Amino acid sequence: MFSVKLILKFLLLPVTMMVALGSCEEIEDEKLNFDDWQKIRVTASAYNSLGKQGEGNPMITAWGDTLNPGVQSIAVSRDLMKKGLDYKTPVKIEGFEGVFIVNDKMHPRWRNKIDIYMGANKEKALKWGRRKVEIAFPAKDEPGG
């Protein structure tokens, strides 16, 4: 016979995990109208969730979110937050497919800069390096902005 613990462990736990993972903040491109979005040029670098990078838990953002390698995330400099790139703002980045979500913020010393989250893939981040890119995001008065 199956015990209650066994049923919970092998049936309910995986279902709960699937529901939790499915609730990650991903935005579908087709639901957004990019034509009216603001466009600016910024310096873009890449970062990873490695223990040697940053302080504390490398998987926790400055807003307290847990980074998920399956979700396209970025960190923004605080001056860009004042321009409308605030928490949970969707962002299109030149050279990338899909929409990124602002869920981390950078140290106040940085200006006009984004950091693109690249999971634990250090080689990919190093290959990206640092470059100027155009980004687009909704105006503050638009939904999602």
N, C-alpha and C. Protein backbone atom coordinates (compact mmCIF):
# COMPACT_ATOMS: atom_id res chain seq x y z
N MET A 1 0.84 -1.19 0.00
CA MET A 1 0.00 0.00 0.00
C MET A 1 0.89 1.25 0.00
N PHE A 2 0.36 2.28 -0.58
CA PHE A 2 1.06 3.56 -0.59
C PHE A 2 0.78 4.31 0.70
N SER A 3 1.80 4.91 1.23
CA SER A 3 1.60 5.73 2.42
C SER A 3 1.27 7.16 2.00
N VAL A 4 0.71 7.91 2.91
CA VAL A 4 0.36 9.30 2.63
C VAL A 4 1.62 10.10 2.32
N LYS A 5 2.70 9.86 3.04
CA LYS A 5 3.96 10.56 2.80
C LYS A 5 4.47 10.29 1.39
N LEU A 6 4.36 9.05 0.96
CA LEU A 6 4.82 8.68 -0.37
C LEU A 6 4.00 9.39 -1.45
N ILE A 7 2.71 9.45 -1.26
CA ILE A 7 1.84 10.13 -2.22
C ILE A 7 2.19 11.62 -2.26
N LEU A 8 2.37 12.23 -1.11
CA LEU A 8 2.73 13.65 -1.06
C LEU A 8 4.07 13.90 -1.73
N LYS A 9 5.01 13.03 -1.48
CA LYS A 9 6.37 13.20 -1.99
C LYS A 9 6.43 13.06 -3.51
N PHE A 10 5.77 12.09 -4.06
CA PHE A 10 5.93 11.79 -5.48
C PHE A 10 4.80 12.30 -6.37
N LEU A 11 3.70 12.72 -5.79
CA LEU A 11 2.60 13.21 -6.60
C LEU A 11 2.37 14.70 -6.40
N LEU A 12 2.16 15.11 -5.19
CA LEU A 12 1.82 16.51 -4.93
C LEU A 12 3.02 17.44 -5.03
N LEU A 13 4.17 17.03 -4.59
CA LEU A 13 5.35 17.90 -4.65
C LEU A 13 5.71 18.27 -6.08
N PRO A 14 5.80 17.31 -7.01
CA PRO A 14 6.10 17.70 -8.40
C PRO A 14 5.04 18.63 -9.00
N VAL A 15 3.77 18.40 -8.69
CA VAL A 15 2.70 19.26 -9.21
C VAL A 15 2.86 20.67 -8.64
N THR A 16 3.15 20.77 -7.36
CA THR A 16 3.35 22.07 -6.72
C THR A 16 4.53 22.79 -7.35
N MET A 17 5.62 22.09 -7.61
CA MET A 17 6.79 22.70 -8.21
C MET A 17 6.49 23.19 -9.63
N MET A 18 5.73 22.44 -10.39
CA MET A 18 5.39 22.85 -11.75
C MET A 18 4.54 24.12 -11.74
N VAL A 19 3.61 24.21 -10.81
CA VAL A 19 2.78 25.41 -10.69
C VAL A 19 3.64 26.60 -10.30
N ALA A 20 4.55 26.40 -9.36
CA ALA A 20 5.42 27.49 -8.91
C ALA A 20 6.34 27.95 -10.04
N LEU A 21 6.91 27.04 -10.78
CA LEU A 21 7.79 27.42 -11.88
C LEU A 21 7.03 28.09 -13.01
N GLY A 22 5.80 27.67 -13.22
CA GLY A 22 4.99 28.26 -14.27
C GLY A 22 4.56 29.68 -13.96
N SER A 23 4.68 30.12 -12.72
CA SER A 23 4.24 31.47 -12.36
C SER A 23 5.36 32.50 -12.48
N CYS A 24 6.52 32.11 -13.00
CA CYS A 24 7.61 33.06 -13.18
C CYS A 24 7.16 34.20 -14.08
N GLU A 25 7.73 35.36 -13.87
CA GLU A 25 7.35 36.55 -14.62
C GLU A 25 7.93 36.54 -16.03
N GLU A 26 7.24 35.91 -16.95
CA GLU A 26 7.62 35.97 -18.35
C GLU A 26 6.51 36.67 -19.09
N ILE A 27 6.88 37.54 -20.01
CA ILE A 27 5.90 38.29 -20.78
C ILE A 27 5.99 37.83 -22.22
N GLU A 28 4.86 37.55 -22.82
CA GLU A 28 4.83 37.09 -24.19
C GLU A 28 4.88 38.29 -25.13
N ASP A 29 5.78 38.23 -26.12
CA ASP A 29 5.99 39.31 -27.08
C ASP A 29 4.70 39.74 -27.78
N GLU A 30 3.89 38.75 -28.17
CA GLU A 30 2.73 39.08 -28.99
C GLU A 30 1.68 39.90 -28.25
N LYS A 31 1.75 39.99 -26.93
CA LYS A 31 0.79 40.77 -26.16
C LYS A 31 1.22 42.23 -26.03
N LEU A 32 2.39 42.58 -26.52
CA LEU A 32 2.92 43.92 -26.33
C LEU A 32 3.03 44.66 -27.66
N ASN A 33 2.78 45.96 -27.63
CA ASN A 33 2.92 46.80 -28.81
C ASN A 33 4.22 47.59 -28.66
N PHE A 34 5.26 47.18 -29.40
CA PHE A 34 6.58 47.78 -29.26
C PHE A 34 6.70 49.12 -30.00
N ASP A 35 5.78 49.40 -30.89
CA ASP A 35 5.88 50.60 -31.73
C ASP A 35 5.95 51.90 -30.92
N ASP A 36 5.21 51.98 -29.83
CA ASP A 36 5.14 53.22 -29.05
C ASP A 36 6.13 53.26 -27.89
N TRP A 37 6.97 52.28 -27.79
CA TRP A 37 7.90 52.22 -26.66
C TRP A 37 9.01 53.25 -26.81
N GLN A 38 9.49 53.76 -25.67
CA GLN A 38 10.64 54.66 -25.64
C GLN A 38 11.89 53.86 -26.01
N LYS A 39 12.80 54.50 -26.70
CA LYS A 39 14.06 53.85 -27.07
C LYS A 39 15.22 54.72 -26.60
N ILE A 40 16.18 54.07 -25.96
CA ILE A 40 17.38 54.77 -25.53
C ILE A 40 18.59 53.87 -25.76
N ARG A 41 19.75 54.48 -25.84
CA ARG A 41 21.01 53.74 -26.01
C ARG A 41 21.69 53.67 -24.64
N VAL A 42 22.10 52.47 -24.26
CA VAL A 42 22.73 52.26 -22.96
C VAL A 42 23.97 51.37 -23.12
N THR A 43 24.78 51.33 -22.09
CA THR A 43 25.87 50.37 -22.02
C THR A 43 25.32 49.10 -21.40
N ALA A 44 25.56 47.97 -22.04
CA ALA A 44 25.06 46.69 -21.54
C ALA A 44 26.23 45.76 -21.24
N SER A 45 26.22 45.19 -20.06
CA SER A 45 27.18 44.16 -19.70
C SER A 45 26.37 42.94 -19.26
N ALA A 46 27.04 41.90 -18.85
CA ALA A 46 26.35 40.67 -18.45
C ALA A 46 26.78 40.27 -17.05
N TYR A 47 25.89 39.57 -16.36
CA TYR A 47 26.26 39.05 -15.05
C TYR A 47 25.70 37.65 -14.85
N ASN A 48 26.25 36.95 -13.89
CA ASN A 48 25.88 35.57 -13.58
C ASN A 48 25.48 35.46 -12.12
N SER A 49 24.87 34.33 -11.80
CA SER A 49 24.53 34.05 -10.40
C SER A 49 25.57 33.08 -9.84
N LEU A 50 26.80 33.59 -9.75
CA LEU A 50 27.90 32.80 -9.21
C LEU A 50 28.29 33.38 -7.85
N GLY A 51 28.67 32.53 -6.92
CA GLY A 51 28.99 32.96 -5.57
C GLY A 51 30.06 34.03 -5.48
N LYS A 52 30.97 34.07 -6.45
CA LYS A 52 32.07 35.03 -6.41
C LYS A 52 31.66 36.41 -6.92
N GLN A 53 30.47 36.52 -7.51
CA GLN A 53 30.02 37.79 -8.06
C GLN A 53 28.96 38.39 -7.14
N GLY A 54 29.22 39.56 -6.63
CA GLY A 54 28.24 40.23 -5.77
C GLY A 54 28.37 39.80 -4.33
N GLU A 55 27.48 40.34 -3.53
CA GLU A 55 27.47 40.03 -2.10
C GLU A 55 26.25 39.19 -1.75
N GLY A 56 26.35 38.40 -0.69
CA GLY A 56 25.20 37.62 -0.25
C GLY A 56 24.87 36.49 -1.20
N ASN A 57 23.59 36.13 -1.23
CA ASN A 57 23.12 35.04 -2.08
C ASN A 57 23.07 35.53 -3.53
N PRO A 58 23.83 34.91 -4.44
CA PRO A 58 23.88 35.38 -5.83
C PRO A 58 22.58 35.15 -6.60
N MET A 59 21.64 34.40 -6.04
CA MET A 59 20.37 34.13 -6.70
C MET A 59 19.27 35.12 -6.29
N ILE A 60 19.56 36.00 -5.34
CA ILE A 60 18.55 36.96 -4.86
C ILE A 60 18.89 38.35 -5.39
N THR A 61 17.89 39.01 -6.00
CA THR A 61 18.10 40.34 -6.56
C THR A 61 17.96 41.40 -5.48
N ALA A 62 18.28 42.63 -5.84
CA ALA A 62 18.17 43.75 -4.90
C ALA A 62 16.73 43.99 -4.47
N TRP A 63 15.76 43.58 -5.29
CA TRP A 63 14.34 43.70 -4.91
C TRP A 63 13.84 42.46 -4.21
N GLY A 64 14.70 41.47 -3.99
CA GLY A 64 14.32 40.26 -3.26
C GLY A 64 13.77 39.13 -4.11
N ASP A 65 13.79 39.29 -5.44
CA ASP A 65 13.36 38.20 -6.32
C ASP A 65 14.43 37.12 -6.36
N THR A 66 14.02 35.91 -6.64
CA THR A 66 14.96 34.83 -6.88
C THR A 66 15.18 34.72 -8.38
N LEU A 67 16.43 34.80 -8.80
CA LEU A 67 16.75 34.69 -10.23
C LEU A 67 16.45 33.29 -10.72
N ASN A 68 15.93 33.21 -11.92
CA ASN A 68 15.61 31.94 -12.55
C ASN A 68 16.25 31.96 -13.93
N PRO A 69 17.19 31.05 -14.21
CA PRO A 69 17.86 31.06 -15.51
C PRO A 69 16.90 30.97 -16.70
N GLY A 70 15.68 30.52 -16.48
CA GLY A 70 14.70 30.43 -17.56
C GLY A 70 13.98 31.74 -17.85
N VAL A 71 14.16 32.74 -17.00
CA VAL A 71 13.50 34.03 -17.18
C VAL A 71 14.55 35.05 -17.58
N GLN A 72 14.27 35.79 -18.65
CA GLN A 72 15.21 36.80 -19.14
C GLN A 72 15.12 38.02 -18.24
N SER A 73 16.14 38.24 -17.42
CA SER A 73 16.14 39.30 -16.43
C SER A 73 17.28 40.28 -16.68
N ILE A 74 17.06 41.53 -16.23
CA ILE A 74 18.13 42.52 -16.28
C ILE A 74 18.15 43.30 -14.98
N ALA A 75 19.33 43.85 -14.71
CA ALA A 75 19.51 44.83 -13.63
C ALA A 75 19.70 46.17 -14.32
N VAL A 76 19.22 47.23 -13.70
CA VAL A 76 19.34 48.57 -14.29
C VAL A 76 20.02 49.52 -13.33
N SER A 77 20.71 50.51 -13.90
CA SER A 77 21.29 51.56 -13.06
C SER A 77 20.14 52.43 -12.55
N ARG A 78 20.35 53.04 -11.41
CA ARG A 78 19.27 53.76 -10.74
C ARG A 78 18.81 55.00 -11.49
N ASP A 79 19.67 55.59 -12.31
CA ASP A 79 19.22 56.73 -13.12
C ASP A 79 18.21 56.29 -14.17
N LEU A 80 18.33 55.05 -14.66
CA LEU A 80 17.37 54.54 -15.62
C LEU A 80 16.01 54.26 -14.96
N MET A 81 16.02 53.94 -13.69
CA MET A 81 14.77 53.74 -12.97
C MET A 81 13.95 55.03 -12.99
N LYS A 82 14.62 56.16 -12.88
CA LYS A 82 13.93 57.45 -12.90
C LYS A 82 13.35 57.75 -14.28
N LYS A 83 13.88 57.09 -15.33
CA LYS A 83 13.38 57.29 -16.69
C LYS A 83 12.24 56.33 -17.03
N GLY A 84 11.87 55.45 -16.08
CA GLY A 84 10.76 54.53 -16.31
C GLY A 84 11.12 53.07 -16.31
N LEU A 85 12.39 52.74 -16.19
CA LEU A 85 12.82 51.34 -16.15
C LEU A 85 12.81 50.85 -14.70
N ASP A 86 11.63 50.78 -14.14
CA ASP A 86 11.48 50.40 -12.75
C ASP A 86 11.17 48.90 -12.64
N TYR A 87 10.97 48.44 -11.43
CA TYR A 87 10.71 47.04 -11.11
C TYR A 87 9.61 46.45 -11.99
N LYS A 88 9.91 45.31 -12.61
CA LYS A 88 9.01 44.52 -13.45
C LYS A 88 8.71 45.14 -14.80
N THR A 89 9.45 46.17 -15.21
CA THR A 89 9.25 46.77 -16.52
C THR A 89 9.72 45.81 -17.61
N PRO A 90 8.92 45.58 -18.65
CA PRO A 90 9.38 44.77 -19.78
C PRO A 90 10.33 45.58 -20.66
N VAL A 91 11.38 44.93 -21.17
CA VAL A 91 12.40 45.62 -21.96
C VAL A 91 12.81 44.75 -23.15
N LYS A 92 12.87 45.37 -24.33
CA LYS A 92 13.44 44.72 -25.52
C LYS A 92 14.88 45.19 -25.62
N ILE A 93 15.80 44.26 -25.90
CA ILE A 93 17.21 44.60 -26.00
C ILE A 93 17.70 44.23 -27.40
N GLU A 94 18.32 45.20 -28.05
CA GLU A 94 18.90 44.98 -29.38
C GLU A 94 19.85 43.78 -29.33
N GLY A 95 19.68 42.85 -30.26
CA GLY A 95 20.55 41.68 -30.33
C GLY A 95 20.01 40.46 -29.60
N PHE A 96 18.86 40.59 -28.93
CA PHE A 96 18.27 39.48 -28.19
C PHE A 96 16.84 39.25 -28.63
N GLU A 97 16.41 38.01 -28.59
CA GLU A 97 15.03 37.65 -28.84
C GLU A 97 14.26 37.78 -27.54
N GLY A 98 13.00 38.07 -27.63
CA GLY A 98 12.13 38.08 -26.47
C GLY A 98 12.20 39.35 -25.65
N VAL A 99 11.49 39.30 -24.55
CA VAL A 99 11.37 40.45 -23.65
C VAL A 99 12.05 40.12 -22.33
N PHE A 100 12.81 41.07 -21.84
CA PHE A 100 13.47 40.94 -20.54
C PHE A 100 12.64 41.66 -19.48
N ILE A 101 12.82 41.28 -18.24
CA ILE A 101 12.12 41.90 -17.13
C ILE A 101 13.13 42.55 -16.20
N VAL A 102 12.86 43.79 -15.81
CA VAL A 102 13.70 44.47 -14.81
C VAL A 102 13.34 43.88 -13.46
N ASN A 103 14.27 43.14 -12.86
CA ASN A 103 14.03 42.64 -11.50
C ASN A 103 15.25 42.74 -10.61
N ASP A 104 16.20 43.57 -11.02
CA ASP A 104 17.38 43.81 -10.19
C ASP A 104 17.84 45.24 -10.44
N LYS A 105 18.48 45.82 -9.45
CA LYS A 105 19.03 47.16 -9.64
C LYS A 105 20.49 47.16 -9.26
N MET A 106 21.22 48.08 -9.87
CA MET A 106 22.67 48.12 -9.73
C MET A 106 23.09 49.11 -8.64
N HIS A 107 24.34 49.03 -8.28
CA HIS A 107 24.92 49.97 -7.32
C HIS A 107 24.74 51.40 -7.83
N PRO A 108 24.52 52.37 -6.95
CA PRO A 108 24.30 53.76 -7.39
C PRO A 108 25.43 54.38 -8.21
N ARG A 109 26.61 53.81 -8.19
CA ARG A 109 27.72 54.40 -8.95
C ARG A 109 27.53 54.28 -10.46
N TRP A 110 26.71 53.34 -10.94
CA TRP A 110 26.54 53.12 -12.37
C TRP A 110 25.53 54.09 -12.96
N ARG A 111 25.78 54.51 -14.20
CA ARG A 111 24.90 55.43 -14.92
C ARG A 111 24.64 54.90 -16.32
N ASN A 112 23.39 55.01 -16.77
CA ASN A 112 23.00 54.65 -18.12
C ASN A 112 23.49 53.25 -18.51
N LYS A 113 23.23 52.28 -17.63
CA LYS A 113 23.78 50.93 -17.80
C LYS A 113 22.76 49.87 -17.42
N ILE A 114 22.79 48.77 -18.17
CA ILE A 114 22.01 47.59 -17.80
C ILE A 114 22.97 46.41 -17.68
N ASP A 115 22.57 45.44 -16.90
CA ASP A 115 23.31 44.20 -16.73
C ASP A 115 22.35 43.08 -17.12
N ILE A 116 22.73 42.27 -18.08
CA ILE A 116 21.87 41.20 -18.59
C ILE A 116 22.21 39.91 -17.85
N TYR A 117 21.20 39.30 -17.25
CA TYR A 117 21.41 38.07 -16.48
C TYR A 117 21.61 36.89 -17.44
N MET A 118 22.70 36.17 -17.25
CA MET A 118 23.02 35.02 -18.11
C MET A 118 23.20 33.74 -17.31
N GLY A 119 22.41 33.59 -16.26
CA GLY A 119 22.44 32.36 -15.46
C GLY A 119 23.82 32.08 -14.90
N ALA A 120 24.24 30.83 -14.96
CA ALA A 120 25.55 30.44 -14.46
C ALA A 120 26.57 30.33 -15.58
N ASN A 121 26.19 30.73 -16.81
CA ASN A 121 27.06 30.59 -17.97
C ASN A 121 28.06 31.74 -18.04
N LYS A 122 29.17 31.57 -17.33
CA LYS A 122 30.19 32.61 -17.26
C LYS A 122 30.83 32.89 -18.64
N GLU A 123 31.02 31.86 -19.44
CA GLU A 123 31.62 32.04 -20.76
C GLU A 123 30.73 32.92 -21.66
N LYS A 124 29.43 32.68 -21.59
CA LYS A 124 28.49 33.48 -22.38
C LYS A 124 28.54 34.95 -21.96
N ALA A 125 28.63 35.19 -20.65
CA ALA A 125 28.71 36.56 -20.13
C ALA A 125 30.02 37.21 -20.57
N LEU A 126 31.12 36.48 -20.50
CA LEU A 126 32.41 37.04 -20.92
C LEU A 126 32.43 37.32 -22.42
N LYS A 127 31.82 36.43 -23.20
CA LYS A 127 31.76 36.63 -24.64
C LYS A 127 30.93 37.89 -24.98
N TRP A 128 29.84 38.11 -24.25
CA TRP A 128 29.03 39.30 -24.47
C TRP A 128 29.85 40.55 -24.16
N GLY A 129 30.58 40.51 -23.05
CA GLY A 129 31.42 41.63 -22.66
C GLY A 129 30.62 42.86 -22.28
N ARG A 130 30.99 43.99 -22.87
CA ARG A 130 30.30 45.25 -22.62
C ARG A 130 30.16 45.94 -23.96
N ARG A 131 28.97 46.40 -24.25
CA ARG A 131 28.74 47.09 -25.53
C ARG A 131 27.54 48.03 -25.41
N LYS A 132 27.47 48.93 -26.35
CA LYS A 132 26.34 49.85 -26.42
C LYS A 132 25.21 49.17 -27.20
N VAL A 133 23.99 49.25 -26.67
CA VAL A 133 22.83 48.68 -27.34
C VAL A 133 21.65 49.64 -27.20
N GLU A 134 20.70 49.47 -28.09
CA GLU A 134 19.45 50.21 -27.95
C GLU A 134 18.46 49.32 -27.22
N ILE A 135 17.76 49.90 -26.26
CA ILE A 135 16.71 49.18 -25.56
C ILE A 135 15.40 49.94 -25.75
N ALA A 136 14.31 49.22 -25.61
CA ALA A 136 12.98 49.83 -25.72
C ALA A 136 12.15 49.37 -24.54
N PHE A 137 11.32 50.28 -24.03
CA PHE A 137 10.46 49.96 -22.89
C PHE A 137 9.25 50.87 -22.93
N PRO A 138 8.14 50.46 -22.28
CA PRO A 138 6.92 51.26 -22.33
C PRO A 138 7.11 52.60 -21.62
N ALA A 139 6.43 53.61 -22.15
CA ALA A 139 6.42 54.91 -21.46
C ALA A 139 5.74 54.72 -20.11
N LYS A 140 6.08 55.56 -19.14
CA LYS A 140 5.55 55.39 -17.78
C LYS A 140 4.03 55.31 -17.72
N ASP A 141 3.33 56.01 -18.61
CA ASP A 141 1.87 56.01 -18.54
C ASP A 141 1.23 54.83 -19.28
N GLU A 142 2.05 53.98 -19.95
CA GLU A 142 1.52 52.79 -20.63
C GLU A 142 1.44 51.62 -19.66
N PRO A 143 0.55 50.65 -19.91
CA PRO A 143 0.51 49.45 -19.08
C PRO A 143 1.86 48.73 -19.14
N GLY A 144 2.32 48.24 -18.00
CA GLY A 144 3.61 47.56 -17.93
C GLY A 144 4.77 48.52 -17.82
N GLY A 145 4.50 49.80 -17.69
CA GLY A 145 5.56 50.79 -17.63
C GLY A 145 5.49 51.64 -16.43
